[in-house]
Amino acid sequence: MPTIKDQQSRAMTLQFALCAFVLALAFAGCQQEQRQEEVVLALPPDSATVAVSSDYAAQAIEAAGGLDAWTKTKEMRFMCVVTLYQPDGSYYLSEQRYAVYPWSNSIQISAVEPQGTSVWQLSRGQFDVLQGSGQIDELSAAVPSRCLAEAILNIVTAPARFLDASARFVRQDSAVKIQGQWYYPIEKATKSGILSGEHMAKAIFYQNRDNSLIDLLHVACTETGKSLAVRGYDYDQIEKGGLLVPTRIEVFTTDGQGGSQTRLVKIDCHKARAAK
């Protein structure tokens, strides 16, 4: 016949096993939820259901590799060297990695700095610091972390933005000349009914009149109340027959006429790959 002490020991063992089982279920559930979120983030649209609403949008998409290449790409990853220019004329180098999800309007930025690793995420207009500091010390006050993420995401995924159902676009009929190049300004605004914090910053895309690429944009930086000019250079295919993206990105302050002034950030990407 078991003693009272034996019964208490068995009860404690059962309680421990039950707690461990509940914790295991909770952990598995969290992992499953995280995996599901990643799958949703990376999910591209079905090319058969995609409708391009305007000729200029179709031209921009075609110039950057074509609709088929874009709809087959669920994720892009870049390894880049980032030059942060300082007010005294010096500069600071940072190596950063970008994971870009064009069809969820999302980017994740990771940087290993002397003060530790920082990971930021901008997803559907929501900016989060996933690890470390929310700002690199050497990053100019004119380019807060969120604004840098907005700049990179918009210039890299400009063709996909024209298929964003939450935004509307209006292109001017006449071209404007900006620093020797002719562009058609395309204004982007969020459609009414989209809640604050669920959309990206207002932006003006500039479509190159010669090649139809969107290689210049102005994006509003809500933290500073000013706009930044973002330029893409040296467009290249991520892979043979794939989409085209800028391998160099530069961020500037802007003047009142749409021109670029002081260079704040230069990004040179030396490795890029796409996931389908």
C-alpha atoms as a PDB file:
ATOM      1  CA  MET A   1       0.000   0.000   0.000  1.00  0.00           C
ATOM      2  CA  PRO A   2       1.533   3.365  -1.051  1.00  0.00           C
ATOM      3  CA  THR A   3       2.354   5.794   1.700  1.00  0.00           C
ATOM      4  CA  ILE A   4       1.197   9.412   1.825  1.00  0.00           C
ATOM      5  CA  LYS A   5       4.722  10.440   0.870  1.00  0.00           C
ATOM      6  CA  ASP A   6       4.607   8.195  -2.228  1.00  0.00           C
ATOM      7  CA  GLN A   7       1.240   9.645  -3.255  1.00  0.00           C
ATOM      8  CA  GLN A   8       2.563  13.208  -2.889  1.00  0.00           C
ATOM      9  CA  SER A   9       5.631  12.322  -4.968  1.00  0.00           C
ATOM     10  CA  ARG A  10       3.479  10.848  -7.751  1.00  0.00           C
ATOM     11  CA  ALA A  11       1.228  13.919  -7.716  1.00  0.00           C
ATOM     12  CA  MET A  12       4.211  16.231  -8.063  1.00  0.00           C
ATOM     13  CA  THR A  13       5.563  14.111 -10.922  1.00  0.00           C
ATOM     14  CA  LEU A  14       2.218  14.275 -12.729  1.00  0.00           C
ATOM     15  CA  GLN A  15       2.020  18.044 -12.210  1.00  0.00           C
ATOM     16  CA  PHE A  16       5.528  18.487 -13.602  1.00  0.00           C
ATOM     17  CA  ALA A  17       4.762  16.314 -16.630  1.00  0.00           C
ATOM     18  CA  LEU A  18       1.536  18.218 -17.276  1.00  0.00           C
ATOM     19  CA  CYS A  19       3.319  21.593 -17.082  1.00  0.00           C
ATOM     20  CA  ALA A  20       6.057  20.372 -19.431  1.00  0.00           C
ATOM     21  CA  PHE A  21       3.421  19.132 -21.889  1.00  0.00           C
ATOM     22  CA  VAL A  22       1.561  22.461 -21.823  1.00  0.00           C
ATOM     23  CA  LEU A  23       4.799  24.413 -22.339  1.00  0.00           C
ATOM     24  CA  ALA A  24       5.784  22.155 -25.231  1.00  0.00           C
ATOM     25  CA  LEU A  25       2.425  22.729 -26.898  1.00  0.00           C
ATOM     26  CA  ALA A  26       2.719  26.485 -26.416  1.00  0.00           C
ATOM     27  CA  PHE A  27       6.245  26.525 -27.851  1.00  0.00           C
ATOM     28  CA  ALA A  28       5.178  24.444 -30.845  1.00  0.00           C
ATOM     29  CA  GLY A  29       2.239  26.752 -31.400  1.00  0.00           C
ATOM     30  CA  CYS A  30       4.492  29.809 -31.366  1.00  0.00           C
ATOM     31  CA  GLN A  31       6.865  28.173 -33.832  1.00  0.00           C
ATOM     32  CA  GLN A  32       3.988  27.224 -36.108  1.00  0.00           C
ATOM     33  CA  GLU A  33       2.596  30.762 -35.933  1.00  0.00           C
ATOM     34  CA  GLN A  34       6.028  32.193 -36.772  1.00  0.00           C
ATOM     35  CA  ARG A  35       6.452  29.804 -39.715  1.00  0.00           C
ATOM     36  CA  GLN A  36       2.995  30.698 -40.977  1.00  0.00           C
ATOM     37  CA  GLU A  37       3.847  34.402 -40.748  1.00  0.00           C
ATOM     38  CA  GLU A  38       7.050  33.846 -42.725  1.00  0.00           C
ATOM     39  CA  VAL A  39       5.164  31.941 -45.425  1.00  0.00           C
ATOM     40  CA  VAL A  40       2.605  34.729 -45.706  1.00  0.00           C
ATOM     41  CA  LEU A  41       5.379  37.339 -45.874  1.00  0.00           C
ATOM     42  CA  ALA A  42       7.066  35.507 -48.722  1.00  0.00           C
ATOM     43  CA  LEU A  43       3.937  34.649 -50.735  1.00  0.00           C
ATOM     44  CA  PRO A  44       3.885  36.210 -54.238  1.00  0.00           C
ATOM     45  CA  PRO A  45       0.642  36.741 -56.147  1.00  0.00           C
ATOM     46  CA  ASP A  46      -0.596  34.459 -58.884  1.00  0.00           C
ATOM     47  CA  SER A  47       0.482  36.070 -62.153  1.00  0.00           C
ATOM     48  CA  ALA A  48      -2.823  35.025 -63.717  1.00  0.00           C
ATOM     49  CA  THR A  49      -4.734  37.217 -61.260  1.00  0.00           C
ATOM     50  CA  VAL A  50      -2.487  40.295 -61.398  1.00  0.00           C
ATOM     51  CA  ALA A  51      -3.949  43.311 -63.166  1.00  0.00           C
ATOM     52  CA  VAL A  52      -1.733  46.244 -64.172  1.00  0.00           C
ATOM     53  CA  SER A  53      -3.899  49.346 -64.014  1.00  0.00           C
ATOM     54  CA  SER A  54      -1.981  51.720 -66.310  1.00  0.00           C
ATOM     55  CA  ASP A  55       0.364  51.789 -69.281  1.00  0.00           C
ATOM     56  CA  TYR A  56       3.101  53.602 -67.363  1.00  0.00           C
ATOM     57  CA  ALA A  57       2.981  50.978 -64.594  1.00  0.00           C
ATOM     58  CA  ALA A  58       3.246  48.195 -67.176  1.00  0.00           C
ATOM     59  CA  GLN A  59       6.224  49.985 -68.751  1.00  0.00           C
ATOM     60  CA  ALA A  60       7.965  50.352 -65.380  1.00  0.00           C
ATOM     61  CA  ILE A  61       7.450  46.669 -64.581  1.00  0.00           C
ATOM     62  CA  GLU A  62       8.643  45.576 -68.026  1.00  0.00           C
ATOM     63  CA  ALA A  63      11.747  47.786 -67.768  1.00  0.00           C
ATOM     64  CA  ALA A  64      12.635  46.095 -64.458  1.00  0.00           C
ATOM     65  CA  GLY A  65      12.440  42.533 -65.749  1.00  0.00           C
ATOM     66  CA  GLY A  66       8.779  41.952 -66.535  1.00  0.00           C
ATOM     67  CA  LEU A  67       5.659  40.943 -64.643  1.00  0.00           C
ATOM     68  CA  ASP A  68       6.436  37.227 -64.783  1.00  0.00           C
ATOM     69  CA  ALA A  69       9.853  37.703 -63.158  1.00  0.00           C
ATOM     70  CA  TRP A  70       8.377  39.839 -60.385  1.00  0.00           C
ATOM     71  CA  THR A  71       5.441  37.576 -59.587  1.00  0.00           C
ATOM     72  CA  LYS A  72       7.792  34.593 -59.382  1.00  0.00           C
ATOM     73  CA  THR A  73       9.998  36.313 -56.799  1.00  0.00           C
ATOM     74  CA  LYS A  74       8.865  36.033 -53.194  1.00  0.00           C
ATOM     75  CA  GLU A  75      12.029  37.304 -51.507  1.00  0.00           C
ATOM     76  CA  MET A  76      15.256  39.132 -52.308  1.00  0.00           C
ATOM     77  CA  ARG A  77      18.371  39.104 -50.141  1.00  0.00           C
ATOM     78  CA  PHE A  78      21.246  41.551 -50.372  1.00  0.00           C
ATOM     79  CA  MET A  79      24.652  41.913 -48.727  1.00  0.00           C
ATOM     80  CA  CYS A  80      25.731  45.538 -48.891  1.00  0.00           C
ATOM     81  CA  VAL A  81      28.404  47.950 -47.750  1.00  0.00           C
ATOM     82  CA  VAL A  82      26.789  51.134 -46.455  1.00  0.00           C
ATOM     83  CA  THR A  83      28.626  54.457 -46.301  1.00  0.00           C
ATOM     84  CA  LEU A  84      27.171  56.874 -43.754  1.00  0.00           C
ATOM     85  CA  TYR A  85      28.356  60.424 -44.395  1.00  0.00           C
ATOM     86  CA  GLN A  86      29.000  62.628 -41.377  1.00  0.00           C
ATOM     87  CA  PRO A  87      28.416  66.404 -41.074  1.00  0.00           C
ATOM     88  CA  ASP A  88      32.163  67.027 -40.642  1.00  0.00           C
ATOM     89  CA  GLY A  89      32.953  65.444 -44.012  1.00  0.00           C
ATOM     90  CA  SER A  90      34.066  62.081 -42.651  1.00  0.00           C
ATOM     91  CA  TYR A  91      32.217  58.817 -43.225  1.00  0.00           C
ATOM     92  CA  TYR A  92      31.446  55.551 -41.455  1.00  0.00           C
ATOM     93  CA  LEU A  93      31.252  52.129 -43.110  1.00  0.00           C
ATOM     94  CA  SER A  94      28.687  49.537 -42.101  1.00  0.00           C
ATOM     95  CA  GLU A  95      27.978  46.086 -43.524  1.00  0.00           C
ATOM     96  CA  GLN A  96      24.265  45.392 -43.682  1.00  0.00           C
ATOM     97  CA  ARG A  97      22.012  42.622 -44.916  1.00  0.00           C
ATOM     98  CA  TYR A  98      18.567  43.184 -46.351  1.00  0.00           C
ATOM     99  CA  ALA A  99      15.727  40.709 -46.750  1.00  0.00           C
ATOM    100  CA  VAL A 100      13.093  42.264 -49.002  1.00  0.00           C
ATOM    101  CA  TYR A 101       9.592  40.848 -49.460  1.00  0.00           C
ATOM    102  CA  PRO A 102       8.095  42.798 -52.385  1.00  0.00           C
ATOM    103  CA  TRP A 103       4.587  41.394 -52.148  1.00  0.00           C
ATOM    104  CA  SER A 104       4.092  42.122 -48.464  1.00  0.00           C
ATOM    105  CA  ASN A 105       5.717  45.569 -48.631  1.00  0.00           C
ATOM    106  CA  SER A 106       8.305  44.456 -46.082  1.00  0.00           C
ATOM    107  CA  ILE A 107      12.017  44.695 -45.422  1.00  0.00           C
ATOM    108  CA  GLN A 108      14.260  43.398 -42.658  1.00  0.00           C
ATOM    109  CA  ILE A 109      17.608  45.099 -42.072  1.00  0.00           C
ATOM    110  CA  SER A 110      20.391  43.602 -39.963  1.00  0.00           C
ATOM    111  CA  ALA A 111      23.674  45.302 -39.115  1.00  0.00           C
ATOM    112  CA  VAL A 112      26.564  44.133 -36.927  1.00  0.00           C
ATOM    113  CA  GLU A 113      28.075  47.158 -35.216  1.00  0.00           C
ATOM    114  CA  PRO A 114      30.653  47.606 -32.414  1.00  0.00           C
ATOM    115  CA  GLN A 115      27.778  48.285 -30.021  1.00  0.00           C
ATOM    116  CA  GLY A 116      26.076  45.027 -31.038  1.00  0.00           C
ATOM    117  CA  THR A 117      23.790  43.563 -33.667  1.00  0.00           C
ATOM    118  CA  SER A 118      20.707  45.522 -34.680  1.00  0.00           C
ATOM    119  CA  VAL A 119      17.749  44.101 -36.583  1.00  0.00           C
ATOM    120  CA  TRP A 120      14.918  46.320 -37.821  1.00  0.00           C
ATOM    121  CA  GLN A 121      11.778  45.411 -39.687  1.00  0.00           C
ATOM    122  CA  LEU A 122       9.372  47.542 -41.676  1.00  0.00           C
ATOM    123  CA  SER A 123       6.281  45.605 -42.672  1.00  0.00           C
ATOM    124  CA  ARG A 124       3.156  47.166 -44.172  1.00  0.00           C
ATOM    125  CA  GLY A 125       4.039  50.483 -42.594  1.00  0.00           C
ATOM    126  CA  GLN A 126       4.783  49.103 -39.110  1.00  0.00           C
ATOM    127  CA  PHE A 127       8.384  49.647 -37.976  1.00  0.00           C
ATOM    128  CA  ASP A 128       9.794  47.388 -35.245  1.00  0.00           C
ATOM    129  CA  VAL A 129      13.186  46.953 -33.610  1.00  0.00           C
ATOM    130  CA  LEU A 130      13.615  43.178 -33.395  1.00  0.00           C
ATOM    131  CA  GLN A 131      17.070  43.209 -31.829  1.00  0.00           C
ATOM    132  CA  GLY A 132      19.545  45.709 -30.448  1.00  0.00           C
ATOM    133  CA  SER A 133      19.358  49.456 -30.907  1.00  0.00           C
ATOM    134  CA  GLY A 134      16.808  51.268 -33.024  1.00  0.00           C
ATOM    135  CA  GLN A 135      19.455  53.597 -34.451  1.00  0.00           C
ATOM    136  CA  ILE A 136      23.099  53.316 -35.513  1.00  0.00           C
ATOM    137  CA  ASP A 137      25.027  56.099 -33.800  1.00  0.00           C
ATOM    138  CA  GLU A 138      26.704  57.181 -37.036  1.00  0.00           C
ATOM    139  CA  LEU A 139      23.453  57.269 -39.031  1.00  0.00           C
ATOM    140  CA  SER A 140      22.611  60.900 -39.700  1.00  0.00           C
ATOM    141  CA  ALA A 141      19.756  62.415 -37.747  1.00  0.00           C
ATOM    142  CA  ALA A 142      18.341  63.336 -41.161  1.00  0.00           C
ATOM    143  CA  VAL A 143      17.865  59.614 -41.927  1.00  0.00           C
ATOM    144  CA  PRO A 144      16.278  57.804 -38.960  1.00  0.00           C
ATOM    145  CA  SER A 145      16.196  54.010 -39.159  1.00  0.00           C
ATOM    146  CA  ARG A 146      12.578  53.862 -40.283  1.00  0.00           C
ATOM    147  CA  CYS A 147      13.217  56.390 -43.069  1.00  0.00           C
ATOM    148  CA  LEU A 148      16.234  54.413 -44.286  1.00  0.00           C
ATOM    149  CA  ALA A 149      14.067  51.290 -44.427  1.00  0.00           C
ATOM    150  CA  GLU A 150      11.361  53.196 -46.336  1.00  0.00           C
ATOM    151  CA  ALA A 151      13.931  54.478 -48.827  1.00  0.00           C
ATOM    152  CA  ILE A 152      15.486  51.086 -49.567  1.00  0.00           C
ATOM    153  CA  LEU A 153      12.176  49.233 -49.762  1.00  0.00           C
ATOM    154  CA  ASN A 154      10.556  51.734 -52.123  1.00  0.00           C
ATOM    155  CA  ILE A 155      13.438  52.037 -54.596  1.00  0.00           C
ATOM    156  CA  VAL A 156      14.072  48.272 -54.746  1.00  0.00           C
ATOM    157  CA  THR A 157      10.417  47.239 -55.079  1.00  0.00           C
ATOM    158  CA  ALA A 158       9.113  50.226 -57.067  1.00  0.00           C
ATOM    159  CA  PRO A 159       7.543  48.063 -59.826  1.00  0.00           C
ATOM    160  CA  ALA A 160       5.660  45.958 -57.273  1.00  0.00           C
ATOM    161  CA  ARG A 161       4.298  49.062 -55.560  1.00  0.00           C
ATOM    162  CA  PHE A 162       2.184  49.816 -58.637  1.00  0.00           C
ATOM    163  CA  LEU A 163       0.238  46.641 -57.866  1.00  0.00           C
ATOM    164  CA  ASP A 164      -0.405  47.630 -54.239  1.00  0.00           C
ATOM    165  CA  ALA A 165      -4.174  47.701 -53.721  1.00  0.00           C
ATOM    166  CA  SER A 166      -3.845  49.999 -50.694  1.00  0.00           C
ATOM    167  CA  ALA A 167      -2.317  52.846 -52.724  1.00  0.00           C
ATOM    168  CA  ARG A 168      -3.340  55.007 -55.650  1.00  0.00           C
ATOM    169  CA  PHE A 169      -1.023  56.589 -58.220  1.00  0.00           C
ATOM    170  CA  VAL A 170      -1.334  59.631 -60.457  1.00  0.00           C
ATOM    171  CA  ARG A 171       1.256  60.402 -63.161  1.00  0.00           C
ATOM    172  CA  GLN A 172       1.772  63.882 -64.529  1.00  0.00           C
ATOM    173  CA  ASP A 173       1.307  64.229 -68.279  1.00  0.00           C
ATOM    174  CA  SER A 174       4.401  66.373 -68.764  1.00  0.00           C
ATOM    175  CA  ALA A 175       7.968  65.431 -67.893  1.00  0.00           C
ATOM    176  CA  VAL A 176      10.173  67.494 -65.583  1.00  0.00           C
ATOM    177  CA  LYS A 177      13.917  67.916 -65.834  1.00  0.00           C
ATOM    178  CA  ILE A 178      15.876  66.989 -62.714  1.00  0.00           C
ATOM    179  CA  GLN A 179      19.642  67.387 -62.799  1.00  0.00           C
ATOM    180  CA  GLY A 180      19.854  66.867 -66.552  1.00  0.00           C
ATOM    181  CA  GLN A 181      17.427  63.935 -66.796  1.00  0.00           C
ATOM    182  CA  TRP A 182      13.757  63.992 -67.820  1.00  0.00           C
ATOM    183  CA  TYR A 183      11.251  62.256 -65.543  1.00  0.00           C
ATOM    184  CA  TYR A 184       7.509  61.747 -65.277  1.00  0.00           C
ATOM    185  CA  PRO A 185       6.479  62.330 -61.631  1.00  0.00           C
ATOM    186  CA  ILE A 186       4.090  59.689 -60.273  1.00  0.00           C
ATOM    187  CA  GLU A 187       2.507  60.612 -56.966  1.00  0.00           C
ATOM    188  CA  LYS A 188       1.644  57.860 -54.537  1.00  0.00           C
ATOM    189  CA  ALA A 189      -0.958  58.314 -51.826  1.00  0.00           C
ATOM    190  CA  THR A 190      -2.751  55.936 -49.503  1.00  0.00           C
ATOM    191  CA  LYS A 191      -6.361  55.213 -50.314  1.00  0.00           C
ATOM    192  CA  SER A 192      -8.970  56.460 -47.862  1.00  0.00           C
ATOM    193  CA  GLY A 193     -10.075  53.938 -45.279  1.00  0.00           C
ATOM    194  CA  ILE A 194      -6.562  52.656 -44.534  1.00  0.00           C
ATOM    195  CA  LEU A 195      -5.849  53.089 -40.830  1.00  0.00           C
ATOM    196  CA  SER A 196      -2.885  55.173 -39.684  1.00  0.00           C
ATOM    197  CA  GLY A 197       0.194  53.026 -39.117  1.00  0.00           C
ATOM    198  CA  GLU A 198      -0.955  50.430 -41.656  1.00  0.00           C
ATOM    199  CA  HIS A 199       0.483  52.125 -44.737  1.00  0.00           C
ATOM    200  CA  MET A 200       3.800  53.331 -46.024  1.00  0.00           C
ATOM    201  CA  ALA A 201       4.949  56.931 -46.165  1.00  0.00           C
ATOM    202  CA  LYS A 202       3.803  59.187 -48.977  1.00  0.00           C
ATOM    203  CA  ALA A 203       6.137  59.101 -51.934  1.00  0.00           C
ATOM    204  CA  ILE A 204       6.655  60.498 -55.412  1.00  0.00           C
ATOM    205  CA  PHE A 205       8.134  58.096 -57.941  1.00  0.00           C
ATOM    206  CA  TYR A 206      10.036  59.483 -60.920  1.00  0.00           C
ATOM    207  CA  GLN A 207       9.870  57.424 -64.102  1.00  0.00           C
ATOM    208  CA  ASN A 208      12.874  57.875 -66.363  1.00  0.00           C
ATOM    209  CA  ARG A 209      11.581  59.084 -69.724  1.00  0.00           C
ATOM    210  CA  ASP A 210      14.357  57.289 -71.619  1.00  0.00           C
ATOM    211  CA  ASN A 211      14.103  53.776 -70.182  1.00  0.00           C
ATOM    212  CA  SER A 212      10.863  53.779 -68.076  1.00  0.00           C
ATOM    213  CA  LEU A 213      12.739  52.699 -64.927  1.00  0.00           C
ATOM    214  CA  ILE A 214      11.745  54.157 -61.568  1.00  0.00           C
ATOM    215  CA  ASP A 215      15.278  55.123 -60.557  1.00  0.00           C
ATOM    216  CA  LEU A 216      14.448  58.197 -58.468  1.00  0.00           C
ATOM    217  CA  LEU A 217      11.899  58.826 -55.747  1.00  0.00           C
ATOM    218  CA  HIS A 218      11.110  61.250 -52.975  1.00  0.00           C
ATOM    219  CA  VAL A 219       9.872  59.685 -49.766  1.00  0.00           C
ATOM    220  CA  ALA A 220       8.443  61.566 -46.805  1.00  0.00           C
ATOM    221  CA  CYS A 221      10.312  61.016 -43.543  1.00  0.00           C
ATOM    222  CA  THR A 222       7.694  61.381 -40.824  1.00  0.00           C
ATOM    223  CA  GLU A 223      10.312  61.557 -38.061  1.00  0.00           C
ATOM    224  CA  THR A 224      11.937  64.684 -39.500  1.00  0.00           C
ATOM    225  CA  GLY A 225       9.013  66.178 -41.412  1.00  0.00           C
ATOM    226  CA  LYS A 226      11.180  66.404 -44.551  1.00  0.00           C
ATOM    227  CA  SER A 227      11.521  64.456 -47.781  1.00  0.00           C
ATOM    228  CA  LEU A 228      14.503  62.407 -48.874  1.00  0.00           C
ATOM    229  CA  ALA A 229      15.642  61.859 -52.452  1.00  0.00           C
ATOM    230  CA  VAL A 230      16.499  58.225 -53.184  1.00  0.00           C
ATOM    231  CA  ARG A 231      18.356  57.256 -56.353  1.00  0.00           C
ATOM    232  CA  GLY A 232      18.997  53.824 -57.825  1.00  0.00           C
ATOM    233  CA  TYR A 233      22.056  53.180 -60.009  1.00  0.00           C
ATOM    234  CA  ASP A 234      23.666  50.354 -61.977  1.00  0.00           C
ATOM    235  CA  TYR A 235      20.555  48.226 -62.392  1.00  0.00           C
ATOM    236  CA  ASP A 236      21.287  44.556 -62.942  1.00  0.00           C
ATOM    237  CA  GLN A 237      19.491  41.216 -63.001  1.00  0.00           C
ATOM    238  CA  ILE A 238      19.571  39.286 -59.755  1.00  0.00           C
ATOM    239  CA  GLU A 239      19.776  36.164 -61.884  1.00  0.00           C
ATOM    240  CA  LYS A 240      19.632  35.412 -65.607  1.00  0.00           C
ATOM    241  CA  GLY A 241      16.201  36.271 -66.937  1.00  0.00           C
ATOM    242  CA  GLY A 242      15.154  37.656 -63.574  1.00  0.00           C
ATOM    243  CA  LEU A 243      14.083  41.042 -62.304  1.00  0.00           C
ATOM    244  CA  LEU A 244      16.316  44.125 -62.306  1.00  0.00           C
ATOM    245  CA  VAL A 245      17.246  45.967 -59.123  1.00  0.00           C
ATOM    246  CA  PRO A 246      19.687  48.775 -58.324  1.00  0.00           C
ATOM    247  CA  THR A 247      23.078  47.594 -57.111  1.00  0.00           C
ATOM    248  CA  ARG A 248      23.806  51.068 -55.750  1.00  0.00           C
ATOM    249  CA  ILE A 249      21.395  53.256 -53.785  1.00  0.00           C
ATOM    250  CA  GLU A 250      22.057  56.802 -52.599  1.00  0.00           C
ATOM    251  CA  VAL A 251      19.995  58.927 -50.223  1.00  0.00           C
ATOM    252  CA  PHE A 252      20.107  62.736 -50.313  1.00  0.00           C
ATOM    253  CA  THR A 253      18.455  65.749 -48.805  1.00  0.00           C
ATOM    254  CA  THR A 254      16.231  67.534 -51.336  1.00  0.00           C
ATOM    255  CA  ASP A 255      15.656  71.074 -52.491  1.00  0.00           C
ATOM    256  CA  GLY A 256      12.281  72.590 -53.251  1.00  0.00           C
ATOM    257  CA  GLN A 257      12.558  71.762 -56.972  1.00  0.00           C
ATOM    258  CA  GLY A 258      12.993  68.022 -56.595  1.00  0.00           C
ATOM    259  CA  GLY A 259      16.768  68.008 -56.969  1.00  0.00           C
ATOM    260  CA  SER A 260      19.243  66.218 -54.720  1.00  0.00           C
ATOM    261  CA  GLN A 261      21.475  68.170 -52.367  1.00  0.00           C
ATOM    262  CA  THR A 262      23.610  66.667 -49.598  1.00  0.00           C
ATOM    263  CA  ARG A 263      24.426  62.974 -49.887  1.00  0.00           C
ATOM    264  CA  LEU A 264      23.670  61.216 -46.614  1.00  0.00           C
ATOM    265  CA  VAL A 265      23.938  57.497 -47.374  1.00  0.00           C
ATOM    266  CA  LYS A 266      25.479  55.337 -50.122  1.00  0.00           C
ATOM    267  CA  ILE A 267      24.652  51.633 -50.368  1.00  0.00           C
ATOM    268  CA  ASP A 268      26.714  49.281 -52.561  1.00  0.00           C
ATOM    269  CA  CYS A 269      25.311  45.757 -52.802  1.00  0.00           C
ATOM    270  CA  HIS A 270      27.876  43.148 -53.816  1.00  0.00           C
ATOM    271  CA  LYS A 271      25.766  40.015 -53.363  1.00  0.00           C
ATOM    272  CA  ALA A 272      22.118  39.477 -54.210  1.00  0.00           C
ATOM    273  CA  ARG A 273      19.874  36.476 -54.649  1.00  0.00           C
ATOM    274  CA  ALA A 274      16.185  35.825 -55.123  1.00  0.00           C
ATOM    275  CA  ALA A 275      13.889  33.153 -53.720  1.00  0.00           C
ATOM    276  CA  LYS A 276      10.956  31.848 -55.735  1.00  0.00           C
END
